[in-house]
Amino acid sequence: MVSTNDVKSGMALDLSDGLFQIVEHQHVKPGKGRAFVRMKLKNLRSGAVVDRTFRADEDVPQAMIDRRDHQYLYRDDLGYHFMNLETYAQFALAEEDVGEARNYITEGATVMLPLYQDFPIGVELAASVRLEVTGAEPAVKGDRVSGATKPVTLETGLVVQAPLFVEAGDVIKVDTRSGAYISRV
């Protein structure tokens, strides 16, 4: 248990209606009445963001999240298979648990998995990843406008807008938060 006066952004709480991470919090002391803490919480399973208000100095259950490196192995009917790099234990995550990370992970890639009570609750990626371009239309003569882009298909099936000079076979760096092209590697 942790007091609502001692919470910090990024902490995880195990509330009665699910596992939540604190996105932001604010301690409010109105002119009349008791102080309270207003929090914006993100559900770690569904990704939904909710606002909650707690009394000041109220105890809430804190969840201990352990983050460990895992290697992505493959995908099949059971889901996405990962292996713990320390114990070599393997397990599968359903597609809804992997979420948008499926657009950025390739076989053999190392990802960070947050674990709660030794059960994975999602996939955390680095800020950027390197992916190979598998499909890109050739630039047309006369397309020399500064900053012009074209859609390219990456090895995971993700389509991003990239500069005209990017061709099939190139390796590019992609921002995992926005899905935007960063640079050619």
N, C-alpha and C. Protein backbone atom coordinates (compact mmCIF):
# COMPACT_ATOMS: atom_id res chain seq x y z
N MET A 1 0.84 -1.18 0.00
CA MET A 1 0.00 0.00 0.00
C MET A 1 0.89 1.25 0.00
N VAL A 2 0.41 2.25 -0.70
CA VAL A 2 1.10 3.53 -0.76
C VAL A 2 0.07 4.64 -0.55
N SER A 3 0.48 5.68 0.11
CA SER A 3 -0.40 6.82 0.36
C SER A 3 -0.56 7.63 -0.93
N THR A 4 -1.73 8.20 -1.15
CA THR A 4 -1.94 9.03 -2.33
C THR A 4 -1.09 10.29 -2.29
N ASN A 5 -0.59 10.67 -1.11
CA ASN A 5 0.31 11.82 -1.01
C ASN A 5 1.71 11.49 -1.53
N ASP A 6 2.05 10.21 -1.61
CA ASP A 6 3.41 9.78 -1.99
C ASP A 6 3.49 9.22 -3.41
N VAL A 7 2.39 9.26 -4.17
CA VAL A 7 2.42 8.67 -5.51
C VAL A 7 3.24 9.54 -6.46
N LYS A 8 3.76 8.87 -7.52
CA LYS A 8 4.53 9.56 -8.55
C LYS A 8 4.05 9.07 -9.91
N SER A 9 4.25 9.89 -10.92
CA SER A 9 3.89 9.48 -12.28
C SER A 9 4.73 8.26 -12.66
N GLY A 10 4.08 7.30 -13.32
CA GLY A 10 4.76 6.08 -13.73
C GLY A 10 4.52 4.92 -12.79
N MET A 11 4.07 5.19 -11.55
CA MET A 11 3.77 4.11 -10.62
C MET A 11 2.58 3.30 -11.11
N ALA A 12 2.52 2.03 -10.73
CA ALA A 12 1.40 1.17 -11.09
C ALA A 12 0.56 0.91 -9.84
N LEU A 13 -0.76 0.93 -10.02
CA LEU A 13 -1.69 0.67 -8.93
C LEU A 13 -2.56 -0.52 -9.29
N ASP A 14 -2.79 -1.39 -8.30
CA ASP A 14 -3.65 -2.56 -8.49
C ASP A 14 -5.00 -2.25 -7.85
N LEU A 15 -5.86 -1.56 -8.58
CA LEU A 15 -7.17 -1.17 -8.07
C LEU A 15 -8.19 -2.29 -8.29
N SER A 16 -9.35 -2.16 -7.69
CA SER A 16 -10.36 -3.22 -7.77
C SER A 16 -10.85 -3.47 -9.20
N ASP A 17 -10.79 -2.47 -10.06
CA ASP A 17 -11.27 -2.66 -11.44
C ASP A 17 -10.14 -2.79 -12.46
N GLY A 18 -8.93 -3.12 -12.00
CA GLY A 18 -7.86 -3.39 -12.94
C GLY A 18 -6.51 -2.85 -12.51
N LEU A 19 -5.54 -3.06 -13.38
CA LEU A 19 -4.18 -2.62 -13.16
C LEU A 19 -3.97 -1.31 -13.92
N PHE A 20 -3.53 -0.25 -13.22
CA PHE A 20 -3.42 1.07 -13.81
C PHE A 20 -2.03 1.65 -13.57
N GLN A 21 -1.59 2.49 -14.52
CA GLN A 21 -0.36 3.24 -14.37
C GLN A 21 -0.72 4.71 -14.27
N ILE A 22 -0.06 5.42 -13.35
CA ILE A 22 -0.34 6.84 -13.14
C ILE A 22 0.32 7.64 -14.26
N VAL A 23 -0.50 8.33 -15.05
CA VAL A 23 0.01 9.18 -16.12
C VAL A 23 0.38 10.54 -15.53
N GLU A 24 -0.53 11.11 -14.75
CA GLU A 24 -0.24 12.37 -14.06
C GLU A 24 -1.10 12.43 -12.81
N HIS A 25 -0.66 13.22 -11.84
CA HIS A 25 -1.41 13.38 -10.60
C HIS A 25 -1.29 14.83 -10.13
N GLN A 26 -2.27 15.24 -9.34
CA GLN A 26 -2.30 16.61 -8.84
C GLN A 26 -2.91 16.61 -7.45
N HIS A 27 -2.21 17.18 -6.49
CA HIS A 27 -2.72 17.31 -5.12
C HIS A 27 -3.45 18.65 -5.03
N VAL A 28 -4.74 18.61 -4.65
CA VAL A 28 -5.58 19.80 -4.63
C VAL A 28 -6.05 20.07 -3.20
N LYS A 29 -5.86 21.31 -2.75
CA LYS A 29 -6.35 21.73 -1.43
C LYS A 29 -7.30 22.89 -1.65
N PRO A 30 -8.62 22.60 -1.69
CA PRO A 30 -9.57 23.70 -1.90
C PRO A 30 -9.64 24.60 -0.66
N GLY A 31 -10.23 25.77 -0.82
CA GLY A 31 -10.37 26.71 0.29
C GLY A 31 -11.21 26.13 1.41
N LYS A 32 -12.26 25.42 1.06
CA LYS A 32 -13.10 24.76 2.05
C LYS A 32 -13.05 23.26 1.79
N GLY A 33 -13.15 22.50 2.81
CA GLY A 33 -13.20 21.05 2.64
C GLY A 33 -11.82 20.41 2.74
N ARG A 34 -11.80 19.11 2.48
CA ARG A 34 -10.58 18.33 2.63
C ARG A 34 -9.78 18.29 1.33
N ALA A 35 -8.50 18.06 1.47
CA ALA A 35 -7.62 17.95 0.31
C ALA A 35 -7.89 16.63 -0.41
N PHE A 36 -7.62 16.60 -1.72
CA PHE A 36 -7.79 15.37 -2.49
C PHE A 36 -6.72 15.30 -3.57
N VAL A 37 -6.57 14.11 -4.13
CA VAL A 37 -5.58 13.89 -5.18
C VAL A 37 -6.33 13.44 -6.43
N ARG A 38 -6.14 14.19 -7.50
CA ARG A 38 -6.76 13.87 -8.79
C ARG A 38 -5.71 13.20 -9.66
N MET A 39 -6.05 12.02 -10.21
CA MET A 39 -5.08 11.26 -11.02
C MET A 39 -5.67 10.92 -12.38
N LYS A 40 -4.78 10.92 -13.36
CA LYS A 40 -5.11 10.41 -14.68
C LYS A 40 -4.42 9.05 -14.76
N LEU A 41 -5.22 7.99 -14.93
CA LEU A 41 -4.70 6.62 -14.89
C LEU A 41 -4.90 5.93 -16.23
N LYS A 42 -3.89 5.16 -16.64
CA LYS A 42 -3.97 4.39 -17.88
C LYS A 42 -4.11 2.91 -17.52
N ASN A 43 -5.17 2.29 -18.04
CA ASN A 43 -5.37 0.86 -17.82
C ASN A 43 -4.30 0.10 -18.60
N LEU A 44 -3.50 -0.73 -17.91
CA LEU A 44 -2.40 -1.42 -18.56
C LEU A 44 -2.85 -2.57 -19.45
N ARG A 45 -4.06 -3.03 -19.31
CA ARG A 45 -4.55 -4.12 -20.17
C ARG A 45 -5.23 -3.57 -21.43
N SER A 46 -6.11 -2.57 -21.26
CA SER A 46 -6.87 -2.06 -22.41
C SER A 46 -6.28 -0.80 -23.02
N GLY A 47 -5.48 -0.05 -22.25
CA GLY A 47 -4.90 1.19 -22.75
C GLY A 47 -5.80 2.40 -22.55
N ALA A 48 -7.01 2.19 -22.00
CA ALA A 48 -7.95 3.30 -21.77
C ALA A 48 -7.43 4.20 -20.66
N VAL A 49 -7.63 5.51 -20.81
CA VAL A 49 -7.21 6.49 -19.81
C VAL A 49 -8.45 7.00 -19.09
N VAL A 50 -8.40 6.96 -17.75
CA VAL A 50 -9.53 7.40 -16.94
C VAL A 50 -9.04 8.41 -15.90
N ASP A 51 -9.95 9.26 -15.43
CA ASP A 51 -9.65 10.19 -14.35
C ASP A 51 -10.26 9.66 -13.06
N ARG A 52 -9.49 9.69 -11.98
CA ARG A 52 -9.97 9.24 -10.68
C ARG A 52 -9.59 10.27 -9.63
N THR A 53 -10.41 10.37 -8.61
CA THR A 53 -10.14 11.26 -7.49
C THR A 53 -10.09 10.44 -6.21
N PHE A 54 -9.06 10.66 -5.40
CA PHE A 54 -8.88 9.96 -4.13
C PHE A 54 -8.74 10.98 -3.02
N ARG A 55 -9.11 10.62 -1.81
CA ARG A 55 -8.89 11.48 -0.65
C ARG A 55 -7.40 11.60 -0.40
N ALA A 56 -6.96 12.73 0.10
CA ALA A 56 -5.55 12.89 0.45
C ALA A 56 -5.23 11.92 1.59
N ASP A 57 -4.07 11.33 1.56
CA ASP A 57 -3.58 10.39 2.55
C ASP A 57 -4.37 9.07 2.57
N GLU A 58 -5.11 8.78 1.49
CA GLU A 58 -5.78 7.48 1.37
C GLU A 58 -4.76 6.46 0.89
N ASP A 59 -4.82 5.25 1.41
CA ASP A 59 -3.91 4.19 0.98
C ASP A 59 -4.49 3.46 -0.22
N VAL A 60 -3.66 3.29 -1.25
CA VAL A 60 -4.05 2.56 -2.45
C VAL A 60 -3.03 1.44 -2.68
N PRO A 61 -3.47 0.30 -3.21
CA PRO A 61 -2.53 -0.82 -3.42
C PRO A 61 -1.59 -0.55 -4.60
N GLN A 62 -0.29 -0.63 -4.32
CA GLN A 62 0.71 -0.41 -5.37
C GLN A 62 1.06 -1.76 -6.00
N ALA A 63 1.17 -1.77 -7.32
CA ALA A 63 1.54 -2.98 -8.05
C ALA A 63 3.02 -2.89 -8.41
N MET A 64 3.75 -3.95 -8.16
CA MET A 64 5.17 -3.99 -8.50
C MET A 64 5.32 -4.58 -9.89
N ILE A 65 5.73 -3.75 -10.84
CA ILE A 65 5.91 -4.16 -12.23
C ILE A 65 7.40 -4.44 -12.44
N ASP A 66 7.70 -5.63 -12.94
CA ASP A 66 9.07 -6.03 -13.23
C ASP A 66 9.24 -5.99 -14.75
N ARG A 67 10.27 -5.31 -15.22
CA ARG A 67 10.52 -5.21 -16.66
C ARG A 67 11.75 -6.04 -17.01
N ARG A 68 11.57 -6.97 -17.97
CA ARG A 68 12.67 -7.84 -18.37
C ARG A 68 12.77 -7.91 -19.88
N ASP A 69 14.01 -8.12 -20.34
CA ASP A 69 14.24 -8.29 -21.77
C ASP A 69 13.79 -9.67 -22.22
N HIS A 70 13.11 -9.70 -23.36
CA HIS A 70 12.66 -10.96 -23.97
C HIS A 70 12.96 -10.89 -25.46
N GLN A 71 13.12 -12.05 -26.06
CA GLN A 71 13.35 -12.12 -27.49
C GLN A 71 12.07 -12.59 -28.17
N TYR A 72 11.67 -11.87 -29.23
CA TYR A 72 10.50 -12.28 -30.01
C TYR A 72 10.93 -13.41 -30.93
N LEU A 73 10.22 -14.53 -30.85
CA LEU A 73 10.59 -15.71 -31.63
C LEU A 73 9.81 -15.83 -32.93
N TYR A 74 8.48 -15.97 -32.82
CA TYR A 74 7.65 -16.17 -34.01
C TYR A 74 6.19 -15.94 -33.65
N ARG A 75 5.33 -15.97 -34.68
CA ARG A 75 3.89 -15.81 -34.51
C ARG A 75 3.20 -17.02 -35.13
N ASP A 76 2.17 -17.53 -34.43
CA ASP A 76 1.36 -18.62 -34.97
C ASP A 76 -0.08 -18.46 -34.49
N ASP A 77 -0.88 -19.53 -34.56
CA ASP A 77 -2.29 -19.46 -34.18
C ASP A 77 -2.48 -19.12 -32.70
N LEU A 78 -1.52 -19.45 -31.85
CA LEU A 78 -1.63 -19.18 -30.42
C LEU A 78 -1.30 -17.74 -30.07
N GLY A 79 -0.57 -17.06 -30.94
CA GLY A 79 -0.21 -15.67 -30.70
C GLY A 79 1.25 -15.41 -31.00
N TYR A 80 1.81 -14.42 -30.31
CA TYR A 80 3.20 -14.02 -30.48
C TYR A 80 4.03 -14.69 -29.39
N HIS A 81 5.07 -15.40 -29.78
CA HIS A 81 5.88 -16.17 -28.85
C HIS A 81 7.15 -15.41 -28.48
N PHE A 82 7.42 -15.35 -27.17
CA PHE A 82 8.58 -14.66 -26.63
C PHE A 82 9.38 -15.60 -25.74
N MET A 83 10.68 -15.31 -25.59
CA MET A 83 11.55 -16.11 -24.73
C MET A 83 12.29 -15.19 -23.77
N ASN A 84 12.26 -15.55 -22.48
CA ASN A 84 12.98 -14.82 -21.46
C ASN A 84 14.47 -15.06 -21.69
N LEU A 85 15.28 -14.00 -21.76
CA LEU A 85 16.70 -14.13 -22.06
C LEU A 85 17.51 -14.64 -20.87
N GLU A 86 16.93 -14.66 -19.66
CA GLU A 86 17.65 -15.15 -18.49
C GLU A 86 17.34 -16.62 -18.22
N THR A 87 16.05 -16.97 -18.26
CA THR A 87 15.64 -18.34 -17.90
C THR A 87 15.32 -19.20 -19.12
N TYR A 88 15.23 -18.61 -20.29
CA TYR A 88 14.88 -19.29 -21.54
C TYR A 88 13.46 -19.86 -21.53
N ALA A 89 12.64 -19.39 -20.62
CA ALA A 89 11.23 -19.79 -20.59
C ALA A 89 10.50 -19.12 -21.75
N GLN A 90 9.59 -19.86 -22.39
CA GLN A 90 8.85 -19.32 -23.53
C GLN A 90 7.37 -19.24 -23.19
N PHE A 91 6.71 -18.24 -23.78
CA PHE A 91 5.27 -18.10 -23.62
C PHE A 91 4.72 -17.33 -24.80
N ALA A 92 3.40 -17.40 -24.95
CA ALA A 92 2.72 -16.73 -26.06
C ALA A 92 1.84 -15.60 -25.53
N LEU A 93 1.80 -14.49 -26.25
CA LEU A 93 0.92 -13.37 -25.94
C LEU A 93 -0.11 -13.25 -27.06
N ALA A 94 -1.36 -12.98 -26.69
CA ALA A 94 -2.41 -12.79 -27.68
C ALA A 94 -2.17 -11.49 -28.44
N GLU A 95 -2.76 -11.39 -29.64
CA GLU A 95 -2.56 -10.22 -30.49
C GLU A 95 -3.01 -8.94 -29.81
N GLU A 96 -4.12 -8.98 -29.05
CA GLU A 96 -4.59 -7.77 -28.38
C GLU A 96 -3.64 -7.33 -27.26
N ASP A 97 -2.87 -8.27 -26.66
CA ASP A 97 -1.90 -7.91 -25.64
C ASP A 97 -0.65 -7.27 -26.25
N VAL A 98 -0.30 -7.67 -27.46
CA VAL A 98 0.86 -7.10 -28.14
C VAL A 98 0.53 -5.71 -28.67
N GLY A 99 -0.70 -5.52 -29.16
CA GLY A 99 -1.15 -4.21 -29.62
C GLY A 99 -0.40 -3.71 -30.84
N GLU A 100 -0.14 -2.40 -30.87
CA GLU A 100 0.52 -1.77 -32.01
C GLU A 100 1.99 -2.17 -32.14
N ALA A 101 2.55 -2.77 -31.11
CA ALA A 101 3.96 -3.19 -31.17
C ALA A 101 4.18 -4.22 -32.27
N ARG A 102 3.14 -4.91 -32.69
CA ARG A 102 3.30 -5.94 -33.74
C ARG A 102 3.81 -5.33 -35.05
N ASN A 103 3.59 -4.04 -35.25
CA ASN A 103 4.06 -3.37 -36.47
C ASN A 103 5.56 -3.08 -36.44
N TYR A 104 6.22 -3.28 -35.30
CA TYR A 104 7.61 -2.88 -35.16
C TYR A 104 8.54 -4.01 -34.73
N ILE A 105 8.01 -5.19 -34.43
CA ILE A 105 8.89 -6.27 -33.98
C ILE A 105 9.10 -7.30 -35.09
N THR A 106 10.32 -7.76 -35.20
CA THR A 106 10.68 -8.79 -36.18
C THR A 106 11.26 -9.97 -35.43
N GLU A 107 11.28 -11.12 -36.06
CA GLU A 107 11.82 -12.32 -35.42
C GLU A 107 13.26 -12.08 -34.99
N GLY A 108 13.55 -12.42 -33.73
CA GLY A 108 14.88 -12.23 -33.19
C GLY A 108 15.08 -10.91 -32.48
N ALA A 109 14.11 -10.01 -32.56
CA ALA A 109 14.23 -8.69 -31.92
C ALA A 109 14.09 -8.82 -30.40
N THR A 110 14.83 -7.99 -29.69
CA THR A 110 14.75 -7.95 -28.23
C THR A 110 13.81 -6.82 -27.82
N VAL A 111 12.81 -7.15 -26.99
CA VAL A 111 11.85 -6.16 -26.51
C VAL A 111 11.76 -6.25 -24.99
N MET A 112 11.26 -5.20 -24.38
CA MET A 112 11.06 -5.16 -22.93
C MET A 112 9.61 -5.52 -22.64
N LEU A 113 9.41 -6.52 -21.77
CA LEU A 113 8.05 -6.90 -21.38
C LEU A 113 7.83 -6.56 -19.91
N PRO A 114 6.82 -5.74 -19.61
CA PRO A 114 6.48 -5.50 -18.21
C PRO A 114 5.71 -6.71 -17.67
N LEU A 115 6.15 -7.22 -16.50
CA LEU A 115 5.54 -8.41 -15.90
C LEU A 115 4.90 -8.03 -14.57
N TYR A 116 3.68 -8.51 -14.36
CA TYR A 116 3.01 -8.34 -13.07
C TYR A 116 2.68 -9.72 -12.56
N GLN A 117 3.22 -10.08 -11.41
CA GLN A 117 3.09 -11.42 -10.84
C GLN A 117 3.51 -12.47 -11.85
N ASP A 118 4.64 -12.23 -12.51
CA ASP A 118 5.24 -13.11 -13.52
C ASP A 118 4.36 -13.36 -14.73
N PHE A 119 3.42 -12.46 -15.00
CA PHE A 119 2.59 -12.57 -16.19
C PHE A 119 2.76 -11.29 -17.02
N PRO A 120 3.09 -11.41 -18.31
CA PRO A 120 3.30 -10.21 -19.14
C PRO A 120 2.00 -9.44 -19.36
N ILE A 121 2.10 -8.11 -19.29
CA ILE A 121 0.91 -7.27 -19.45
C ILE A 121 1.01 -6.36 -20.66
N GLY A 122 1.99 -6.57 -21.51
CA GLY A 122 2.13 -5.74 -22.71
C GLY A 122 3.53 -5.85 -23.27
N VAL A 123 3.83 -5.00 -24.23
CA VAL A 123 5.14 -4.96 -24.88
C VAL A 123 5.60 -3.51 -24.91
N GLU A 124 6.84 -3.27 -24.46
CA GLU A 124 7.43 -1.94 -24.51
C GLU A 124 8.57 -1.96 -25.51
N LEU A 125 8.54 -1.02 -26.43
CA LEU A 125 9.56 -0.94 -27.48
C LEU A 125 10.53 0.20 -27.21
N ALA A 126 11.67 0.15 -27.89
CA ALA A 126 12.60 1.26 -27.86
C ALA A 126 11.94 2.43 -28.61
N ALA A 127 12.51 3.62 -28.49
CA ALA A 127 11.93 4.80 -29.14
C ALA A 127 11.96 4.68 -30.66
N SER A 128 12.95 3.94 -31.19
CA SER A 128 13.02 3.74 -32.64
C SER A 128 13.53 2.34 -32.94
N VAL A 129 13.15 1.82 -34.10
CA VAL A 129 13.60 0.50 -34.55
C VAL A 129 14.08 0.59 -35.98
N ARG A 130 14.90 -0.37 -36.37
CA ARG A 130 15.41 -0.44 -37.75
C ARG A 130 14.67 -1.56 -38.47
N LEU A 131 14.04 -1.22 -39.59
CA LEU A 131 13.28 -2.18 -40.37
C LEU A 131 13.67 -2.09 -41.84
N GLU A 132 13.61 -3.23 -42.53
CA GLU A 132 13.96 -3.28 -43.94
C GLU A 132 12.74 -2.93 -44.79
N VAL A 133 12.98 -2.17 -45.85
CA VAL A 133 11.93 -1.80 -46.80
C VAL A 133 11.76 -2.96 -47.78
N THR A 134 10.53 -3.50 -47.87
CA THR A 134 10.28 -4.62 -48.79
C THR A 134 9.58 -4.15 -50.06
N GLY A 135 8.92 -3.02 -50.00
CA GLY A 135 8.22 -2.53 -51.19
C GLY A 135 8.25 -1.02 -51.26
N ALA A 136 8.70 -0.50 -52.39
CA ALA A 136 8.72 0.95 -52.61
C ALA A 136 8.62 1.20 -54.10
N GLU A 137 7.71 2.08 -54.47
CA GLU A 137 7.60 2.46 -55.88
C GLU A 137 8.80 3.31 -56.25
N PRO A 138 9.31 3.14 -57.46
CA PRO A 138 10.45 3.97 -57.87
C PRO A 138 10.01 5.43 -58.02
N ALA A 139 10.95 6.32 -57.74
CA ALA A 139 10.67 7.75 -57.90
C ALA A 139 10.55 8.07 -59.38
N VAL A 140 9.61 8.92 -59.72
CA VAL A 140 9.37 9.30 -61.11
C VAL A 140 10.26 10.49 -61.45
N LYS A 141 10.80 10.51 -62.67
CA LYS A 141 11.65 11.62 -63.09
C LYS A 141 10.80 12.90 -63.05
N GLY A 142 11.34 13.91 -62.42
CA GLY A 142 10.61 15.16 -62.27
C GLY A 142 10.11 15.33 -60.84
N ASP A 143 10.10 14.24 -60.05
CA ASP A 143 9.72 14.34 -58.64
C ASP A 143 10.91 14.82 -57.83
N ARG A 144 11.25 16.06 -57.93
CA ARG A 144 12.41 16.58 -57.23
C ARG A 144 12.01 17.66 -56.22
N VAL A 145 10.78 17.67 -55.84
CA VAL A 145 10.30 18.65 -54.87
C VAL A 145 10.95 18.37 -53.53
N SER A 146 11.43 19.37 -52.87
CA SER A 146 12.06 19.21 -51.56
C SER A 146 11.04 18.72 -50.54
N GLY A 147 11.39 17.67 -49.84
CA GLY A 147 10.50 17.14 -48.80
C GLY A 147 9.42 16.22 -49.31
N ALA A 148 9.46 15.83 -50.59
CA ALA A 148 8.44 14.94 -51.13
C ALA A 148 8.60 13.55 -50.53
N THR A 149 7.48 12.87 -50.31
CA THR A 149 7.51 11.53 -49.73
C THR A 149 6.69 10.57 -50.56
N LYS A 150 6.90 9.29 -50.30
CA LYS A 150 6.13 8.24 -50.96
C LYS A 150 5.89 7.14 -49.94
N PRO A 151 4.82 6.35 -50.10
CA PRO A 151 4.57 5.25 -49.16
C PRO A 151 5.51 4.08 -49.45
N VAL A 152 6.10 3.53 -48.39
CA VAL A 152 6.95 2.33 -48.50
C VAL A 152 6.43 1.28 -47.53
N THR A 153 6.53 0.02 -47.93
CA THR A 153 6.09 -1.09 -47.09
C THR A 153 7.31 -1.70 -46.41
N LEU A 154 7.21 -1.93 -45.10
CA LEU A 154 8.31 -2.48 -44.33
C LEU A 154 8.13 -3.99 -44.14
N GLU A 155 9.15 -4.66 -43.62
CA GLU A 155 9.13 -6.11 -43.48
C GLU A 155 8.03 -6.61 -42.55
N THR A 156 7.51 -5.78 -41.68
CA THR A 156 6.42 -6.19 -40.79
C THR A 156 5.04 -5.94 -41.40
N GLY A 157 5.01 -5.31 -42.57
CA GLY A 157 3.74 -4.99 -43.22
C GLY A 157 3.29 -3.57 -42.99
N LEU A 158 3.97 -2.85 -42.12
CA LEU A 158 3.65 -1.45 -41.84
C LEU A 158 3.99 -0.59 -43.05
N VAL A 159 3.12 0.37 -43.36
CA VAL A 159 3.36 1.31 -44.46
C VAL A 159 3.63 2.69 -43.84
N VAL A 160 4.79 3.28 -44.21
CA VAL A 160 5.15 4.60 -43.71
C VAL A 160 5.49 5.51 -44.88
N GLN A 161 5.43 6.81 -44.65
CA GLN A 161 5.82 7.79 -45.64
C GLN A 161 7.32 8.03 -45.50
N ALA A 162 8.05 7.86 -46.60
CA ALA A 162 9.51 8.04 -46.59
C ALA A 162 9.92 8.92 -47.76
N PRO A 163 11.12 9.50 -47.72
CA PRO A 163 11.59 10.33 -48.83
C PRO A 163 11.70 9.53 -50.13
N LEU A 164 11.75 10.24 -51.25
CA LEU A 164 11.76 9.60 -52.56
C LEU A 164 12.98 8.73 -52.81
N PHE A 165 14.11 8.99 -52.15
CA PHE A 165 15.32 8.21 -52.41
C PHE A 165 15.33 6.84 -51.76
N VAL A 166 14.37 6.54 -50.88
CA VAL A 166 14.31 5.23 -50.22
C VAL A 166 13.80 4.19 -51.21
N GLU A 167 14.53 3.07 -51.30
CA GLU A 167 14.18 2.00 -52.24
C GLU A 167 14.03 0.68 -51.50
N ALA A 168 13.46 -0.31 -52.18
CA ALA A 168 13.33 -1.65 -51.62
C ALA A 168 14.72 -2.20 -51.30
N GLY A 169 14.84 -2.83 -50.14
CA GLY A 169 16.13 -3.36 -49.71
C GLY A 169 16.86 -2.45 -48.74
N ASP A 170 16.49 -1.17 -48.69
CA ASP A 170 17.10 -0.24 -47.73
C ASP A 170 16.62 -0.56 -46.33
N VAL A 171 17.43 -0.23 -45.35
CA VAL A 171 17.04 -0.34 -43.94
C VAL A 171 16.83 1.07 -43.43
N ILE A 172 15.65 1.31 -42.83
CA ILE A 172 15.34 2.65 -42.32
C ILE A 172 15.05 2.59 -40.83
N LYS A 173 15.17 3.74 -40.18
CA LYS A 173 14.86 3.88 -38.77
C LYS A 173 13.47 4.50 -38.67
N VAL A 174 12.59 3.87 -37.84
CA VAL A 174 11.20 4.32 -37.70
C VAL A 174 10.92 4.62 -36.24
N ASP A 175 10.24 5.73 -35.97
CA ASP A 175 9.83 6.10 -34.62
C ASP A 175 8.66 5.22 -34.21
N THR A 176 8.79 4.49 -33.08
CA THR A 176 7.74 3.56 -32.66
C THR A 176 6.57 4.27 -31.99
N ARG A 177 6.74 5.52 -31.57
CA ARG A 177 5.64 6.24 -30.93
C ARG A 177 4.69 6.83 -31.94
N SER A 178 5.23 7.31 -33.08
CA SER A 178 4.38 7.96 -34.08
C SER A 178 4.29 7.19 -35.40
N GLY A 179 5.19 6.25 -35.61
CA GLY A 179 5.21 5.51 -36.87
C GLY A 179 5.81 6.31 -38.01
N ALA A 180 6.60 7.32 -37.70
CA ALA A 180 7.17 8.19 -38.73
C ALA A 180 8.59 7.77 -39.10
N TYR A 181 8.96 8.01 -40.35
CA TYR A 181 10.31 7.76 -40.85
C TYR A 181 11.26 8.72 -40.14
N ILE A 182 12.43 8.21 -39.71
CA ILE A 182 13.44 9.06 -39.07
C ILE A 182 14.62 9.25 -40.01
N SER A 183 15.24 8.13 -40.44
CA SER A 183 16.39 8.22 -41.33
C SER A 183 16.67 6.90 -42.00
N ARG A 184 17.54 6.94 -42.99
CA ARG A 184 17.99 5.72 -43.64
C ARG A 184 19.26 5.28 -42.91
N VAL A 185 19.39 3.98 -42.72
CA VAL A 185 20.55 3.45 -41.97
C VAL A 185 21.59 2.95 -42.94
